[in-house]
Amino acid sequence: MTDEARPRSAVGAPPQGGRIGRGTVPADCSSRTSAGSVLAAGNASGPAKPVLRRSLERVLHPFAPVLTVLGALGVVWYAAAAWLNAPQVIERVLADQPGWGLAELLPLTWSMQRPVLPAPHQIGLDLWRSIVDWPLNSPRSLLFHTGVTAASTLVGFVMGTLLGLALAVAIVHSRTLDRSLFPWIIASQTVPVLAVAPIVIVALGSMGLTGVFPKSVISMYLCFFPVTVAMVKGLRSPGVMELELMHTYAASAGHTFWKLRAPASLPFLFPSLRVGIAAALVGAIVAELPTGAQAGLGARLLTGSYYGNTVQIWSALVMSALLGLALTGAVAWAEKWFTPGGRK
């Protein structure tokens, strides 16, 4: 039977439920749509744990290596504290107590008042008490000593950076200074800072210069070297083609410096600043040691060593490490803002 012979209702007839017009959905399509919506709703209303788990993993993923290293370091530290403090605990406390074991030994090694190596929780507790229990202007406040050392560090860092930049510019533009001055700059770092610090501080003190400035000079002494070396390399980084291009534009030495050499040296400058500010912090602490300073993290270390307070010594060391991390982090943040493409 051909299509012409078939009944009209059998050929192209609309399905039961009415004619198919504009805006009309077939019955089978509507059923499939409703089933899909049910499945989608079921997936959307599924368990929230995987979503929460993925968000936590996304937040903690950058800190996972650091937390892993800290956990391993904590385990090793507690074991070392127990091993180093055990002889004193056995001699002073457990010698008259027969039948003791690790259950009695370990808590005592981690709670000594003057241990050979304090446990991490002892250092953390001393940090908390020295920060919270005393006002900021009190000599017993660790933040007070941190502020004194930070001031010397920042002043020395600025002085050392400016000195390093000036020396680098002079060396790059003068072949005579390159041959005569640069070797002495390298040789200056072979002198131990512990030998230089007392001489500089006593000499400046005889001139009436005391306080922050002498310590800043020691910080400058350690800070200017990495800046000078890196900036000499950075200012010389433009190639022959770039320099010849500036020559074809009839650019002066000043225009070549500001338009070509200075931007090309930025990737070399900020890594040297991170090294320099860490060296400036070391210089500020070292400058406080041989002078018997009354304030600063170096003075805190001296006080702890005089009285055998190892917990105070380690808390000052931890605070100096935290200060160094904060200062280098500030330089890294500045690098993102001032380096081309750093804000992306």
Protein backbone atom coordinates (compact mmCIF):
# COMPACT_ATOMS: atom_id res chain seq x y z
CA MET A 1 0.00 0.00 0.00
CA THR A 2 1.48 3.36 -0.97
CA ASP A 3 1.46 6.52 1.08
CA GLU A 4 -1.29 7.93 -1.13
CA ALA A 5 -3.53 4.96 -0.34
CA ARG A 6 -3.02 5.13 3.40
CA PRO A 7 -5.57 6.90 5.56
CA ARG A 8 -4.89 10.52 6.25
CA SER A 9 -4.94 9.98 9.96
CA ALA A 10 -2.15 7.39 9.71
CA VAL A 11 0.20 9.56 7.72
CA GLY A 12 1.65 12.55 9.62
CA ALA A 13 -1.09 12.41 12.22
CA PRO A 14 -0.32 14.18 15.43
CA PRO A 15 0.09 12.05 18.53
CA GLN A 16 -2.66 11.63 20.99
CA GLY A 17 -2.92 14.63 23.17
CA GLY A 18 -3.61 17.28 20.58
CA ARG A 19 -2.00 19.04 17.68
CA ILE A 20 1.63 20.05 17.77
CA GLY A 21 1.71 23.79 17.63
CA ARG A 22 4.03 26.55 18.59
CA GLY A 23 5.02 26.21 22.24
CA THR A 24 3.70 22.64 22.50
CA VAL A 25 6.01 19.90 23.84
CA PRO A 26 5.41 16.29 22.87
CA ALA A 27 4.52 13.91 25.62
CA ASP A 28 7.63 11.78 25.30
CA CYS A 29 9.89 14.89 25.27
CA SER A 30 8.21 16.27 28.38
CA SER A 31 8.69 12.98 30.17
CA ARG A 32 12.36 12.93 29.24
CA THR A 33 12.75 16.54 30.36
CA SER A 34 11.11 15.85 33.70
CA ALA A 35 13.30 12.79 34.25
CA GLY A 36 16.43 14.77 33.42
CA SER A 37 15.41 17.52 35.78
CA VAL A 38 14.88 14.98 38.53
CA LEU A 39 18.33 13.51 37.93
CA ALA A 40 19.90 16.96 37.87
CA ALA A 41 18.14 17.88 41.08
CA GLY A 42 19.36 14.65 42.62
CA ASN A 43 22.94 15.42 41.61
CA ALA A 44 22.68 19.01 42.84
CA SER A 45 21.28 17.91 46.16
CA GLY A 46 23.85 15.17 46.57
CA PRO A 47 26.14 14.93 49.56
CA ALA A 48 27.95 18.18 50.38
CA LYS A 49 30.97 16.38 51.77
CA PRO A 50 32.82 16.01 48.44
CA VAL A 51 32.32 19.70 47.70
CA LEU A 52 33.52 20.69 51.16
CA ARG A 53 36.41 18.29 50.85
CA ARG A 54 37.49 19.75 47.52
CA SER A 55 37.30 23.30 48.88
CA LEU A 56 39.42 22.35 51.90
CA GLU A 57 41.96 20.65 49.67
CA ARG A 58 42.11 23.75 47.48
CA VAL A 59 42.78 25.95 50.52
CA LEU A 60 45.27 23.65 52.25
CA HIS A 61 47.14 22.48 49.16
CA PRO A 62 49.63 25.42 49.08
CA PHE A 63 50.43 24.92 52.78
CA ALA A 64 50.69 21.13 52.70
CA PRO A 65 54.49 20.99 52.10
CA VAL A 66 55.14 23.53 54.87
CA LEU A 67 52.86 21.73 57.32
CA THR A 68 54.50 18.41 56.46
CA VAL A 69 57.98 19.78 57.13
CA LEU A 70 56.80 21.40 60.38
CA GLY A 71 55.26 18.13 61.54
CA ALA A 72 58.42 16.16 60.80
CA LEU A 73 60.54 18.85 62.47
CA GLY A 74 58.31 18.76 65.54
CA VAL A 75 58.69 15.00 65.91
CA VAL A 76 62.49 15.22 65.57
CA TRP A 77 62.61 18.16 67.99
CA TYR A 78 60.64 16.37 70.71
CA ALA A 79 62.85 13.30 70.31
CA ALA A 80 66.02 15.41 70.53
CA ALA A 81 64.69 17.27 73.58
CA ALA A 82 63.97 14.00 75.35
CA TRP A 83 67.42 12.62 74.51
CA LEU A 84 69.37 15.74 75.58
CA ASN A 85 67.35 16.47 78.73
CA ALA A 86 67.14 12.87 79.93
CA PRO A 87 70.52 12.77 81.77
CA GLN A 88 69.62 15.77 83.93
CA VAL A 89 66.15 14.43 84.68
CA ILE A 90 67.54 11.04 85.67
CA GLU A 91 70.22 12.60 87.87
CA ARG A 92 68.03 15.16 89.62
CA VAL A 93 64.58 13.58 89.77
CA LEU A 94 64.49 9.88 88.97
CA ALA A 95 67.68 8.75 90.67
CA ASP A 96 65.81 8.02 93.92
CA GLN A 97 62.79 6.47 92.20
CA PRO A 98 63.45 2.87 91.20
CA GLY A 99 61.32 1.25 88.55
CA TRP A 100 60.74 4.33 86.37
CA GLY A 101 60.19 4.06 82.64
CA LEU A 102 59.58 6.14 79.54
CA ALA A 103 56.11 7.10 80.76
CA GLU A 104 57.71 8.92 83.68
CA LEU A 105 60.83 10.12 81.85
CA LEU A 106 59.38 11.78 78.73
CA PRO A 107 56.98 14.25 80.45
CA LEU A 108 59.78 15.38 82.75
CA THR A 109 62.22 15.96 79.88
CA TRP A 110 59.63 18.14 78.14
CA SER A 111 58.81 20.27 81.19
CA MET A 112 62.17 21.26 82.68
CA GLN A 113 62.60 24.87 83.77
CA ARG A 114 66.13 25.19 82.35
CA PRO A 115 66.44 22.42 79.78
CA VAL A 116 69.36 21.84 77.48
CA LEU A 117 66.92 21.86 74.54
CA PRO A 118 63.42 23.14 75.30
CA ALA A 119 60.40 21.43 73.79
CA PRO A 120 58.42 23.28 71.09
CA HIS A 121 55.45 23.84 73.39
CA GLN A 122 57.72 25.47 75.98
CA ILE A 123 59.00 27.91 73.36
CA GLY A 124 55.49 28.66 72.16
CA LEU A 125 54.27 29.26 75.70
CA ASP A 126 57.17 31.61 76.44
CA LEU A 127 56.47 33.49 73.20
CA TRP A 128 52.81 33.86 74.13
CA ARG A 129 53.53 35.06 77.65
CA SER A 130 56.23 37.54 76.61
CA ILE A 131 53.86 39.04 74.02
CA VAL A 132 50.56 39.05 75.91
CA ASP A 133 51.50 39.49 79.57
CA TRP A 134 53.54 42.70 79.16
CA PRO A 135 52.82 46.09 77.54
CA LEU A 136 54.59 47.00 74.31
CA ASN A 137 56.91 49.52 75.98
CA SER A 138 58.08 47.08 78.64
CA PRO A 139 61.62 45.66 78.38
CA ARG A 140 60.15 42.26 79.21
CA SER A 141 57.94 42.30 76.13
CA LEU A 142 59.35 40.40 73.18
CA LEU A 143 57.54 42.72 70.78
CA PHE A 144 59.45 45.66 72.28
CA HIS A 145 62.79 44.00 71.47
CA THR A 146 61.51 42.97 68.05
CA GLY A 147 60.60 46.56 67.24
CA VAL A 148 64.06 47.80 68.22
CA THR A 149 65.77 45.24 66.02
CA ALA A 150 63.34 45.83 63.16
CA ALA A 151 64.05 49.58 63.23
CA SER A 152 67.81 49.00 62.96
CA THR A 153 67.24 46.44 60.22
CA LEU A 154 65.05 48.69 58.08
CA VAL A 155 67.34 51.72 58.41
CA GLY A 156 70.38 49.61 57.54
CA PHE A 157 68.50 47.99 54.67
CA VAL A 158 67.63 51.36 53.14
CA MET A 159 71.19 52.60 53.58
CA GLY A 160 72.69 49.44 52.14
CA THR A 161 70.30 49.42 49.17
CA LEU A 162 71.11 53.02 48.27
CA LEU A 163 74.84 52.39 48.65
CA GLY A 164 74.65 49.24 46.54
CA LEU A 165 72.69 50.98 43.79
CA ALA A 166 75.12 53.91 43.69
CA LEU A 167 78.15 51.61 43.52
CA ALA A 168 76.55 49.49 40.80
CA VAL A 169 75.73 52.49 38.63
CA ALA A 170 79.24 53.87 39.06
CA ILE A 171 80.87 50.53 38.25
CA VAL A 172 78.76 49.99 35.13
CA HIS A 173 79.51 53.44 33.71
CA SER A 174 83.19 53.56 34.61
CA ARG A 175 85.67 50.93 33.51
CA THR A 176 88.24 52.33 35.94
CA LEU A 177 85.94 51.79 38.92
CA ASP A 178 85.08 48.35 37.60
CA ARG A 179 88.71 47.32 37.70
CA SER A 180 89.70 49.14 40.89
CA LEU A 181 86.62 49.25 43.16
CA PHE A 182 84.77 46.01 42.45
CA PRO A 183 87.54 43.69 43.78
CA TRP A 184 87.62 45.65 47.05
CA ILE A 185 83.85 45.31 47.39
CA ILE A 186 84.21 41.55 47.15
CA ALA A 187 87.15 41.55 49.58
CA SER A 188 85.15 43.53 52.15
CA GLN A 189 82.89 40.54 52.73
CA THR A 190 85.78 38.30 53.73
CA VAL A 191 86.21 40.19 57.02
CA PRO A 192 84.10 38.57 59.79
CA VAL A 193 81.27 40.81 60.91
CA LEU A 194 81.93 39.87 64.53
CA ALA A 195 85.32 41.56 64.20
CA VAL A 196 83.96 44.62 62.40
CA ALA A 197 80.95 45.28 64.65
CA PRO A 198 82.80 46.23 67.88
CA ILE A 199 85.23 48.48 66.01
CA VAL A 200 82.49 50.34 64.16
CA ILE A 201 80.24 50.74 67.21
CA VAL A 202 83.07 51.94 69.47
CA ALA A 203 84.31 54.39 66.81
CA LEU A 204 80.84 55.81 66.21
CA GLY A 205 80.16 55.94 69.94
CA SER A 206 83.28 58.06 70.49
CA MET A 207 81.81 60.48 67.95
CA GLY A 208 78.57 60.69 69.93
CA LEU A 209 76.58 58.43 67.58
CA THR A 210 74.66 55.86 69.62
CA GLY A 211 71.36 54.06 69.42
CA VAL A 212 69.99 52.82 66.13
CA PHE A 213 72.54 54.35 63.76
CA PRO A 214 75.64 52.28 64.72
CA LYS A 215 73.67 49.06 64.43
CA SER A 216 72.27 50.22 61.10
CA VAL A 217 75.82 50.71 59.81
CA ILE A 218 76.56 47.04 60.50
CA SER A 219 73.33 46.08 58.73
CA MET A 220 74.34 48.25 55.79
CA TYR A 221 77.74 46.55 55.69
CA LEU A 222 76.11 43.17 55.15
CA CYS A 223 73.27 44.43 52.96
CA PHE A 224 75.01 46.45 50.25
CA PHE A 225 77.07 43.59 48.81
CA PRO A 226 74.30 41.42 47.27
CA VAL A 227 72.59 44.54 45.91
CA THR A 228 75.80 45.77 44.28
CA VAL A 229 76.68 42.44 42.66
CA ALA A 230 73.15 41.79 41.39
CA MET A 231 72.64 45.29 40.04
CA VAL A 232 75.98 45.24 38.18
CA LYS A 233 74.78 42.06 36.52
CA GLY A 234 71.32 43.49 35.87
CA LEU A 235 72.49 46.81 34.43
CA ARG A 236 74.77 44.92 32.05
CA SER A 237 72.07 42.47 31.02
CA PRO A 238 70.84 44.35 27.88
CA GLY A 239 72.40 42.86 24.75
CA VAL A 240 74.25 44.48 21.89
CA MET A 241 71.13 44.70 19.72
CA GLU A 242 69.18 46.64 22.36
CA LEU A 243 72.07 49.04 22.94
CA GLU A 244 72.53 49.60 19.20
CA LEU A 245 68.81 50.25 18.85
CA MET A 246 69.01 52.97 21.49
CA HIS A 247 72.05 54.35 19.64
CA THR A 248 70.08 54.55 16.40
CA TYR A 249 67.45 56.58 18.25
CA ALA A 250 70.24 59.00 19.28
CA ALA A 251 69.46 58.29 22.94
CA SER A 252 71.73 59.83 25.53
CA ALA A 253 73.39 57.88 28.32
CA GLY A 254 70.67 58.98 30.71
CA HIS A 255 67.85 57.90 28.41
CA THR A 256 69.58 54.56 27.81
CA PHE A 257 69.89 54.05 31.55
CA TRP A 258 66.27 54.87 32.45
CA LYS A 259 64.61 53.37 29.38
CA LEU A 260 66.71 50.23 28.94
CA ARG A 261 69.17 49.38 31.70
CA ALA A 262 66.98 50.18 34.72
CA PRO A 263 63.92 48.15 33.57
CA ALA A 264 66.17 45.26 32.56
CA SER A 265 67.75 45.20 36.03
CA LEU A 266 64.50 44.82 38.00
CA PRO A 267 64.48 40.98 37.82
CA PHE A 268 67.97 41.09 39.35
CA LEU A 269 67.18 43.77 41.95
CA PHE A 270 64.38 42.18 43.97
CA PRO A 271 66.04 38.78 44.58
CA SER A 272 69.07 40.68 45.86
CA LEU A 273 66.80 42.77 48.10
CA ARG A 274 65.39 39.60 49.66
CA VAL A 275 68.91 38.43 50.42
CA GLY A 276 69.91 41.90 51.54
CA ILE A 277 67.11 42.39 54.05
CA ALA A 278 67.83 39.00 55.61
CA ALA A 279 71.52 39.95 55.86
CA ALA A 280 70.52 43.31 57.38
CA LEU A 281 68.57 41.49 60.09
CA VAL A 282 71.59 39.34 60.89
CA GLY A 283 73.76 42.46 61.05
CA ALA A 284 71.38 44.21 63.44
CA ILE A 285 71.31 41.23 65.81
CA VAL A 286 75.09 40.78 65.65
CA ALA A 287 75.61 44.49 66.35
CA GLU A 288 73.60 44.15 69.56
CA LEU A 289 75.74 41.30 70.91
CA PRO A 290 79.21 42.80 71.60
CA THR A 291 77.93 46.12 72.92
CA GLY A 292 75.78 44.90 75.79
CA ALA A 293 72.69 46.51 74.36
CA GLN A 294 69.69 46.91 76.63
CA ALA A 295 67.07 46.39 73.91
CA GLY A 296 66.74 44.27 70.82
CA LEU A 297 66.64 40.58 70.03
CA GLY A 298 70.41 40.41 70.43
CA ALA A 299 70.06 41.82 73.96
CA ARG A 300 67.37 39.22 74.62
CA LEU A 301 69.78 36.50 73.55
CA LEU A 302 72.51 37.91 75.80
CA THR A 303 70.18 38.05 78.81
CA GLY A 304 69.10 34.47 78.28
CA SER A 305 72.70 33.27 77.96
CA TYR A 306 73.78 35.13 81.12
CA TYR A 307 71.11 33.45 83.25
CA GLY A 308 71.08 30.10 81.47
CA ASN A 309 67.48 30.59 80.32
CA THR A 310 67.48 28.48 77.18
CA VAL A 311 63.74 28.89 76.70
CA GLN A 312 64.17 32.65 76.42
CA ILE A 313 67.06 32.18 73.98
CA TRP A 314 65.01 29.95 71.71
CA SER A 315 61.97 32.22 71.85
CA ALA A 316 64.16 35.14 70.72
CA LEU A 317 65.55 32.99 67.91
CA VAL A 318 62.07 32.00 66.78
CA MET A 319 60.92 35.63 66.86
CA SER A 320 63.92 36.68 64.79
CA ALA A 321 63.05 33.99 62.25
CA LEU A 322 59.45 35.20 62.11
CA LEU A 323 60.68 38.78 61.67
CA GLY A 324 62.92 37.67 58.82
CA LEU A 325 60.02 35.89 57.13
CA ALA A 326 57.85 38.99 57.46
CA LEU A 327 60.52 41.27 56.00
CA THR A 328 61.33 39.00 53.06
CA GLY A 329 57.60 38.56 52.45
CA ALA A 330 57.21 42.34 52.27
CA VAL A 331 59.98 42.52 49.67
CA ALA A 332 58.36 39.70 47.68
CA TRP A 333 55.04 41.59 47.76
CA ALA A 334 56.79 44.72 46.50
CA GLU A 335 58.34 42.66 43.71
CA LYS A 336 54.90 41.64 42.48
CA TRP A 337 53.83 45.28 42.28
CA PHE A 338 56.92 46.82 40.69
CA THR A 339 58.12 44.03 38.40
CA PRO A 340 56.58 44.05 34.89
CA GLY A 341 53.93 41.35 34.76
CA GLY A 342 54.06 40.76 38.51
CA ARG A 343 50.45 41.77 39.14
CA LYS A 344 49.08 39.04 36.87
